[in-house]
């Protein structure tokens, strides 16, 4: 069950205003306060993304061997996914506020940080964001 994350339930305009305040790890943790796990992944997400988290976990599970290989990830650890509620907050979290709209994800060896398919910005679509993990 998804928990309540007040900041995620705000209007897009309010989210843009709030994204200006996003500059600490604790702010990111407050925004991504919901957690859901599967066998190979842990997703940190915002309340507004509850409806798509299960689908995202299923896609990751189906594609886990390829994703793990791409990330050089040890199969004994879960992949962490941070699902940001919109492109403005995603860019602000990584200090790229004026980043291009096509930049919707960053990857490290054990973590995928990405924009929600529900608010991918002007360049991407719902489907193209899911393609990122397929």
N, C-alpha and C. Protein backbone atom coordinates (compact mmCIF):
# COMPACT_ATOMS: atom_id res chain seq x y z
N UNK A 1 0.85 -1.18 0.00
CA UNK A 1 0.00 0.00 0.00
C UNK A 1 0.88 1.24 0.00
N UNK A 2 0.48 2.21 -0.76
CA UNK A 2 1.25 3.45 -0.85
C UNK A 2 0.94 4.34 0.33
N UNK A 3 1.98 4.98 0.84
CA UNK A 3 1.81 5.94 1.92
C UNK A 3 1.45 7.30 1.37
N UNK A 4 1.21 8.23 2.23
CA UNK A 4 0.86 9.59 1.83
C UNK A 4 2.10 10.44 1.76
N UNK A 5 2.29 11.10 0.64
CA UNK A 5 3.40 12.03 0.48
C UNK A 5 2.81 13.33 -0.03
N UNK A 6 2.60 14.27 0.85
CA UNK A 6 1.89 15.50 0.55
C UNK A 6 2.47 16.24 -0.64
N UNK A 7 3.77 16.38 -0.70
CA UNK A 7 4.37 17.16 -1.77
C UNK A 7 4.06 16.57 -3.14
N UNK A 8 3.95 15.27 -3.24
CA UNK A 8 3.69 14.64 -4.53
C UNK A 8 2.26 14.85 -5.00
N UNK A 9 1.36 15.14 -4.11
CA UNK A 9 -0.03 15.29 -4.48
C UNK A 9 -0.39 16.71 -4.88
N UNK A 10 0.58 17.59 -4.97
CA UNK A 10 0.32 18.98 -5.33
C UNK A 10 0.15 19.10 -6.84
N UNK A 11 -0.40 20.20 -7.26
CA UNK A 11 -0.57 20.47 -8.69
C UNK A 11 0.79 20.62 -9.34
N UNK A 12 0.90 20.43 -10.68
CA UNK A 12 2.18 20.58 -11.36
C UNK A 12 2.82 21.95 -11.12
N UNK A 13 2.03 23.01 -11.08
CA UNK A 13 2.59 24.34 -10.84
C UNK A 13 3.21 24.39 -9.45
N UNK A 14 2.52 23.83 -8.46
CA UNK A 14 3.05 23.82 -7.10
C UNK A 14 4.31 22.96 -7.04
N UNK A 15 4.34 21.85 -7.79
CA UNK A 15 5.53 21.01 -7.82
C UNK A 15 6.71 21.80 -8.37
N UNK A 16 6.49 22.60 -9.39
CA UNK A 16 7.58 23.41 -9.94
C UNK A 16 8.10 24.38 -8.89
N UNK A 17 7.18 24.99 -8.13
CA UNK A 17 7.59 25.90 -7.06
C UNK A 17 8.38 25.14 -6.00
N UNK A 18 7.90 23.96 -5.62
CA UNK A 18 8.56 23.17 -4.60
C UNK A 18 9.90 22.65 -5.09
N UNK A 19 10.03 22.42 -6.41
CA UNK A 19 11.30 21.90 -6.91
C UNK A 19 12.43 22.87 -6.67
N UNK A 20 12.12 24.17 -6.55
CA UNK A 20 13.14 25.16 -6.25
C UNK A 20 13.74 24.93 -4.86
N UNK A 21 12.97 24.31 -3.97
CA UNK A 21 13.41 24.07 -2.60
C UNK A 21 14.18 22.76 -2.47
N UNK A 22 14.19 21.96 -3.49
CA UNK A 22 14.81 20.64 -3.43
C UNK A 22 16.32 20.77 -3.56
N UNK A 23 17.02 20.67 -2.45
CA UNK A 23 18.46 20.78 -2.52
C UNK A 23 19.18 19.95 -1.47
N UNK A 24 18.48 19.09 -0.78
CA UNK A 24 19.13 18.26 0.22
C UNK A 24 18.65 16.82 0.07
N UNK A 25 19.44 15.90 0.61
CA UNK A 25 19.06 14.50 0.58
C UNK A 25 17.75 14.28 1.32
N UNK A 26 17.55 14.99 2.43
CA UNK A 26 16.31 14.82 3.19
C UNK A 26 15.11 15.27 2.36
N UNK A 27 15.26 16.31 1.54
CA UNK A 27 14.17 16.74 0.67
C UNK A 27 13.82 15.66 -0.33
N UNK A 28 14.82 15.03 -0.91
CA UNK A 28 14.58 13.95 -1.86
C UNK A 28 13.89 12.79 -1.17
N UNK A 29 14.33 12.44 0.03
CA UNK A 29 13.70 11.35 0.77
C UNK A 29 12.25 11.66 1.11
N UNK A 30 11.94 12.92 1.39
CA UNK A 30 10.56 13.30 1.66
C UNK A 30 9.71 13.15 0.41
N UNK A 31 10.23 13.53 -0.73
CA UNK A 31 9.48 13.42 -1.97
C UNK A 31 9.28 11.97 -2.36
N UNK A 32 10.32 11.16 -2.23
CA UNK A 32 10.26 9.75 -2.63
C UNK A 32 10.05 8.88 -1.39
N UNK A 33 8.99 9.18 -0.66
CA UNK A 33 8.78 8.56 0.64
C UNK A 33 8.11 7.18 0.59
N UNK A 34 7.62 6.77 -0.55
CA UNK A 34 6.99 5.46 -0.68
C UNK A 34 8.01 4.46 -1.21
N UNK A 35 7.93 3.22 -0.73
CA UNK A 35 8.86 2.18 -1.15
C UNK A 35 8.08 0.91 -1.47
N UNK A 36 8.45 0.30 -2.59
CA UNK A 36 7.87 -0.99 -2.94
C UNK A 36 9.00 -1.87 -3.47
N UNK A 37 8.98 -3.14 -3.07
CA UNK A 37 10.04 -4.06 -3.46
C UNK A 37 9.51 -5.24 -4.25
N UNK A 38 10.38 -5.77 -5.08
CA UNK A 38 10.14 -7.05 -5.75
C UNK A 38 11.36 -7.92 -5.47
N UNK A 39 11.48 -9.02 -6.14
CA UNK A 39 12.61 -9.92 -5.90
C UNK A 39 13.95 -9.25 -6.19
N UNK A 40 14.00 -8.42 -7.24
CA UNK A 40 15.28 -7.85 -7.67
C UNK A 40 15.35 -6.33 -7.62
N UNK A 41 14.30 -5.66 -7.19
CA UNK A 41 14.31 -4.20 -7.24
C UNK A 41 13.61 -3.58 -6.04
N UNK A 42 14.05 -2.38 -5.71
CA UNK A 42 13.40 -1.54 -4.70
C UNK A 42 13.12 -0.21 -5.38
N UNK A 43 11.87 0.22 -5.35
CA UNK A 43 11.51 1.50 -5.97
C UNK A 43 11.11 2.49 -4.88
N UNK A 44 11.72 3.65 -4.92
CA UNK A 44 11.37 4.78 -4.06
C UNK A 44 10.58 5.73 -4.94
N UNK A 45 9.38 6.09 -4.50
CA UNK A 45 8.50 6.84 -5.39
C UNK A 45 7.56 7.75 -4.62
N UNK A 46 6.85 8.54 -5.36
CA UNK A 46 5.90 9.52 -4.87
C UNK A 46 4.49 8.92 -4.92
N UNK A 47 3.63 9.34 -4.05
CA UNK A 47 2.26 8.84 -3.98
C UNK A 47 1.57 8.84 -5.35
N UNK A 48 1.78 9.89 -6.12
CA UNK A 48 1.09 10.01 -7.42
C UNK A 48 1.45 8.86 -8.37
N UNK A 49 2.56 8.17 -8.12
CA UNK A 49 3.00 7.10 -9.01
C UNK A 49 2.60 5.70 -8.57
N UNK A 50 1.76 5.61 -7.54
CA UNK A 50 1.32 4.30 -7.05
C UNK A 50 0.76 3.41 -8.16
N UNK A 51 0.00 4.01 -9.05
CA UNK A 51 -0.68 3.23 -10.09
C UNK A 51 0.27 2.60 -11.09
N UNK A 52 1.49 3.10 -11.23
CA UNK A 52 2.39 2.54 -12.24
C UNK A 52 3.58 1.79 -11.65
N UNK A 53 3.74 1.81 -10.34
CA UNK A 53 4.89 1.16 -9.71
C UNK A 53 4.89 -0.35 -9.94
N UNK A 54 3.75 -0.98 -9.80
CA UNK A 54 3.67 -2.43 -10.01
C UNK A 54 4.05 -2.79 -11.45
N UNK A 55 3.57 -2.02 -12.40
CA UNK A 55 3.93 -2.24 -13.80
C UNK A 55 5.43 -2.08 -14.00
N UNK A 56 6.01 -1.05 -13.43
CA UNK A 56 7.45 -0.82 -13.53
C UNK A 56 8.23 -1.98 -12.91
N UNK A 57 7.81 -2.45 -11.75
CA UNK A 57 8.48 -3.59 -11.11
C UNK A 57 8.40 -4.84 -12.00
N UNK A 58 7.25 -5.07 -12.61
CA UNK A 58 7.09 -6.23 -13.51
C UNK A 58 8.04 -6.13 -14.70
N UNK A 59 8.16 -4.94 -15.27
CA UNK A 59 9.07 -4.75 -16.41
C UNK A 59 10.51 -4.99 -15.97
N UNK A 60 10.88 -4.48 -14.81
CA UNK A 60 12.25 -4.69 -14.30
C UNK A 60 12.50 -6.17 -14.06
N UNK A 61 11.54 -6.87 -13.47
CA UNK A 61 11.72 -8.30 -13.21
C UNK A 61 11.88 -9.09 -14.50
N UNK A 62 11.07 -8.79 -15.50
CA UNK A 62 11.17 -9.49 -16.80
C UNK A 62 12.52 -9.24 -17.46
N UNK A 63 13.07 -8.07 -17.26
CA UNK A 63 14.30 -7.67 -17.94
C UNK A 63 15.51 -7.64 -17.02
N UNK A 64 15.38 -8.21 -15.82
CA UNK A 64 16.43 -8.11 -14.82
C UNK A 64 17.81 -8.60 -15.29
N UNK A 65 17.91 -9.76 -15.93
CA UNK A 65 19.25 -10.21 -16.34
C UNK A 65 19.95 -9.19 -17.26
N UNK A 66 19.23 -8.63 -18.20
CA UNK A 66 19.82 -7.65 -19.12
C UNK A 66 20.17 -6.36 -18.38
N UNK A 67 19.25 -5.89 -17.53
CA UNK A 67 19.50 -4.65 -16.77
C UNK A 67 20.69 -4.84 -15.84
N UNK A 68 20.73 -5.95 -15.13
CA UNK A 68 21.84 -6.22 -14.20
C UNK A 68 23.16 -6.30 -14.95
N UNK A 69 23.15 -6.92 -16.11
CA UNK A 69 24.37 -7.02 -16.91
C UNK A 69 24.82 -5.63 -17.36
N UNK A 70 23.87 -4.82 -17.79
CA UNK A 70 24.18 -3.46 -18.24
C UNK A 70 24.75 -2.61 -17.10
N UNK A 71 24.23 -2.81 -15.90
CA UNK A 71 24.69 -2.04 -14.75
C UNK A 71 25.91 -2.66 -14.08
N UNK A 72 26.36 -3.82 -14.59
CA UNK A 72 27.43 -4.57 -13.92
C UNK A 72 27.04 -4.82 -12.47
N UNK A 73 25.78 -5.16 -12.28
CA UNK A 73 25.19 -5.30 -10.95
C UNK A 73 25.36 -6.74 -10.46
N UNK A 74 25.73 -6.87 -9.20
CA UNK A 74 25.83 -8.19 -8.60
C UNK A 74 24.43 -8.75 -8.37
N UNK A 75 24.22 -9.97 -8.79
CA UNK A 75 22.88 -10.55 -8.73
C UNK A 75 22.39 -10.80 -7.31
N UNK A 76 23.24 -10.65 -6.31
CA UNK A 76 22.81 -10.86 -4.93
C UNK A 76 22.26 -9.59 -4.29
N UNK A 77 22.26 -8.48 -5.02
CA UNK A 77 21.74 -7.21 -4.49
C UNK A 77 20.58 -6.74 -5.37
N UNK A 78 19.67 -6.01 -4.76
CA UNK A 78 18.55 -5.45 -5.51
C UNK A 78 18.96 -4.14 -6.18
N UNK A 79 18.37 -3.90 -7.33
CA UNK A 79 18.56 -2.62 -8.02
C UNK A 79 17.66 -1.60 -7.34
N UNK A 80 18.20 -0.44 -7.05
CA UNK A 80 17.40 0.64 -6.48
C UNK A 80 16.94 1.55 -7.61
N UNK A 81 15.66 1.88 -7.59
CA UNK A 81 15.10 2.81 -8.58
C UNK A 81 14.50 3.98 -7.82
N UNK A 82 14.90 5.18 -8.20
CA UNK A 82 14.28 6.40 -7.67
C UNK A 82 13.42 6.96 -8.79
N UNK A 83 12.12 7.02 -8.55
CA UNK A 83 11.16 7.46 -9.55
C UNK A 83 10.69 8.86 -9.18
N UNK A 84 11.21 9.86 -9.89
CA UNK A 84 10.90 11.26 -9.59
C UNK A 84 9.57 11.66 -10.20
N UNK A 85 8.76 12.46 -9.50
CA UNK A 85 7.39 12.75 -9.93
C UNK A 85 7.27 13.57 -11.21
N UNK A 86 8.29 14.36 -11.55
CA UNK A 86 8.24 15.11 -12.80
C UNK A 86 9.66 15.52 -13.19
N UNK A 87 9.79 16.02 -14.39
CA UNK A 87 11.10 16.34 -14.93
C UNK A 87 11.76 17.51 -14.19
N UNK A 88 10.97 18.46 -13.73
CA UNK A 88 11.54 19.60 -13.01
C UNK A 88 12.21 19.16 -11.70
N UNK A 89 11.53 18.32 -10.94
CA UNK A 89 12.09 17.83 -9.68
C UNK A 89 13.29 16.92 -9.95
N UNK A 90 13.21 16.10 -10.98
CA UNK A 90 14.35 15.24 -11.35
C UNK A 90 15.58 16.09 -11.66
N UNK A 91 15.41 17.07 -12.52
CA UNK A 91 16.55 17.92 -12.88
C UNK A 91 17.10 18.68 -11.67
N UNK A 92 16.22 19.20 -10.85
CA UNK A 92 16.65 19.94 -9.66
C UNK A 92 17.41 19.04 -8.68
N UNK A 93 16.98 17.79 -8.54
CA UNK A 93 17.63 16.86 -7.62
C UNK A 93 19.10 16.64 -7.97
N UNK A 94 19.44 16.79 -9.25
CA UNK A 94 20.80 16.55 -9.70
C UNK A 94 21.49 17.84 -10.14
N UNK A 95 20.93 18.96 -9.68
CA UNK A 95 21.52 20.28 -9.93
C UNK A 95 21.69 20.57 -11.42
N UNK A 96 20.69 20.16 -12.20
CA UNK A 96 20.68 20.45 -13.63
C UNK A 96 19.33 21.09 -13.98
N UNK A 97 18.98 22.14 -13.24
CA UNK A 97 17.68 22.78 -13.39
C UNK A 97 17.37 23.19 -14.81
N UNK A 98 18.39 23.54 -15.57
CA UNK A 98 18.16 23.94 -16.95
C UNK A 98 18.49 22.80 -17.92
N UNK A 99 18.42 21.57 -17.41
CA UNK A 99 18.73 20.40 -18.24
C UNK A 99 17.73 20.22 -19.37
N UNK A 100 18.14 19.55 -20.43
CA UNK A 100 17.25 19.34 -21.57
C UNK A 100 16.11 18.38 -21.23
N UNK A 101 14.97 18.56 -21.87
CA UNK A 101 13.81 17.71 -21.63
C UNK A 101 14.04 16.25 -21.98
N UNK A 102 14.99 15.96 -22.85
CA UNK A 102 15.25 14.57 -23.20
C UNK A 102 15.97 13.82 -22.08
N UNK A 103 16.56 14.53 -21.13
CA UNK A 103 17.29 13.90 -20.03
C UNK A 103 16.31 13.48 -18.94
N UNK A 104 15.94 12.20 -18.95
CA UNK A 104 14.93 11.71 -18.01
C UNK A 104 15.46 10.64 -17.07
N UNK A 105 16.73 10.28 -17.18
CA UNK A 105 17.25 9.22 -16.32
C UNK A 105 18.76 9.33 -16.18
N UNK A 106 19.23 8.87 -15.04
CA UNK A 106 20.65 8.72 -14.77
C UNK A 106 20.85 7.33 -14.19
N UNK A 107 22.01 6.74 -14.47
CA UNK A 107 22.27 5.38 -14.02
C UNK A 107 23.63 5.31 -13.36
N UNK A 108 23.69 4.61 -12.23
CA UNK A 108 24.96 4.27 -11.62
C UNK A 108 25.04 2.75 -11.61
N UNK A 109 26.04 2.19 -10.95
CA UNK A 109 26.18 0.73 -10.97
C UNK A 109 25.05 0.00 -10.27
N UNK A 110 24.38 0.63 -9.33
CA UNK A 110 23.32 -0.09 -8.62
C UNK A 110 22.03 0.70 -8.51
N UNK A 111 21.96 1.83 -9.21
CA UNK A 111 20.79 2.68 -9.04
C UNK A 111 20.35 3.25 -10.39
N UNK A 112 19.04 3.28 -10.57
CA UNK A 112 18.42 3.95 -11.71
C UNK A 112 17.60 5.10 -11.15
N UNK A 113 17.88 6.30 -11.59
CA UNK A 113 17.12 7.48 -11.18
C UNK A 113 16.40 7.96 -12.43
N UNK A 114 15.07 8.02 -12.36
CA UNK A 114 14.32 8.34 -13.57
C UNK A 114 13.06 9.14 -13.27
N UNK A 115 12.55 9.77 -14.31
CA UNK A 115 11.33 10.55 -14.23
C UNK A 115 10.14 9.60 -14.34
N UNK A 116 9.07 9.94 -13.68
CA UNK A 116 7.84 9.15 -13.77
C UNK A 116 7.29 9.15 -15.20
N UNK A 117 6.82 8.01 -15.67
CA UNK A 117 6.15 7.97 -16.97
C UNK A 117 4.88 8.83 -17.01
N UNK A 118 4.35 9.16 -15.83
CA UNK A 118 3.14 9.97 -15.78
C UNK A 118 3.41 11.46 -16.05
N UNK A 119 4.65 11.91 -15.86
CA UNK A 119 5.03 13.31 -16.09
C UNK A 119 6.42 13.37 -16.72
N UNK A 120 6.57 12.90 -17.96
CA UNK A 120 7.90 12.79 -18.54
C UNK A 120 8.47 14.07 -19.16
N UNK A 121 7.73 15.16 -19.13
CA UNK A 121 8.20 16.38 -19.79
C UNK A 121 7.68 16.46 -21.22
N UNK A 122 8.23 17.38 -21.98
CA UNK A 122 7.74 17.62 -23.34
C UNK A 122 8.37 16.72 -24.40
N UNK A 123 9.52 16.16 -24.14
CA UNK A 123 10.24 15.39 -25.15
C UNK A 123 9.79 13.93 -25.18
N UNK A 124 9.58 13.33 -24.02
CA UNK A 124 9.24 11.91 -23.94
C UNK A 124 7.75 11.70 -23.70
N UNK A 125 7.34 10.43 -23.89
CA UNK A 125 5.95 10.03 -23.64
C UNK A 125 5.93 8.95 -22.56
N UNK A 126 4.73 8.63 -22.12
CA UNK A 126 4.53 7.54 -21.16
C UNK A 126 5.25 6.28 -21.62
N UNK A 127 5.03 5.90 -22.88
CA UNK A 127 5.62 4.67 -23.41
C UNK A 127 7.14 4.76 -23.53
N UNK A 128 7.65 5.90 -23.95
CA UNK A 128 9.10 5.99 -24.15
C UNK A 128 9.84 5.91 -22.82
N UNK A 129 9.24 6.37 -21.75
CA UNK A 129 9.91 6.24 -20.44
C UNK A 129 9.98 4.78 -20.03
N UNK A 130 8.90 4.02 -20.25
CA UNK A 130 8.94 2.59 -19.92
C UNK A 130 9.94 1.85 -20.79
N UNK A 131 10.12 2.28 -22.03
CA UNK A 131 11.09 1.65 -22.92
C UNK A 131 12.50 1.71 -22.33
N UNK A 132 12.74 2.72 -21.53
CA UNK A 132 14.04 2.90 -20.91
C UNK A 132 14.44 1.68 -20.08
N UNK A 133 13.48 1.04 -19.42
CA UNK A 133 13.81 -0.12 -18.58
C UNK A 133 13.48 -1.46 -19.24
N UNK A 134 12.98 -1.42 -20.44
CA UNK A 134 12.66 -2.69 -21.13
C UNK A 134 13.86 -3.27 -21.83
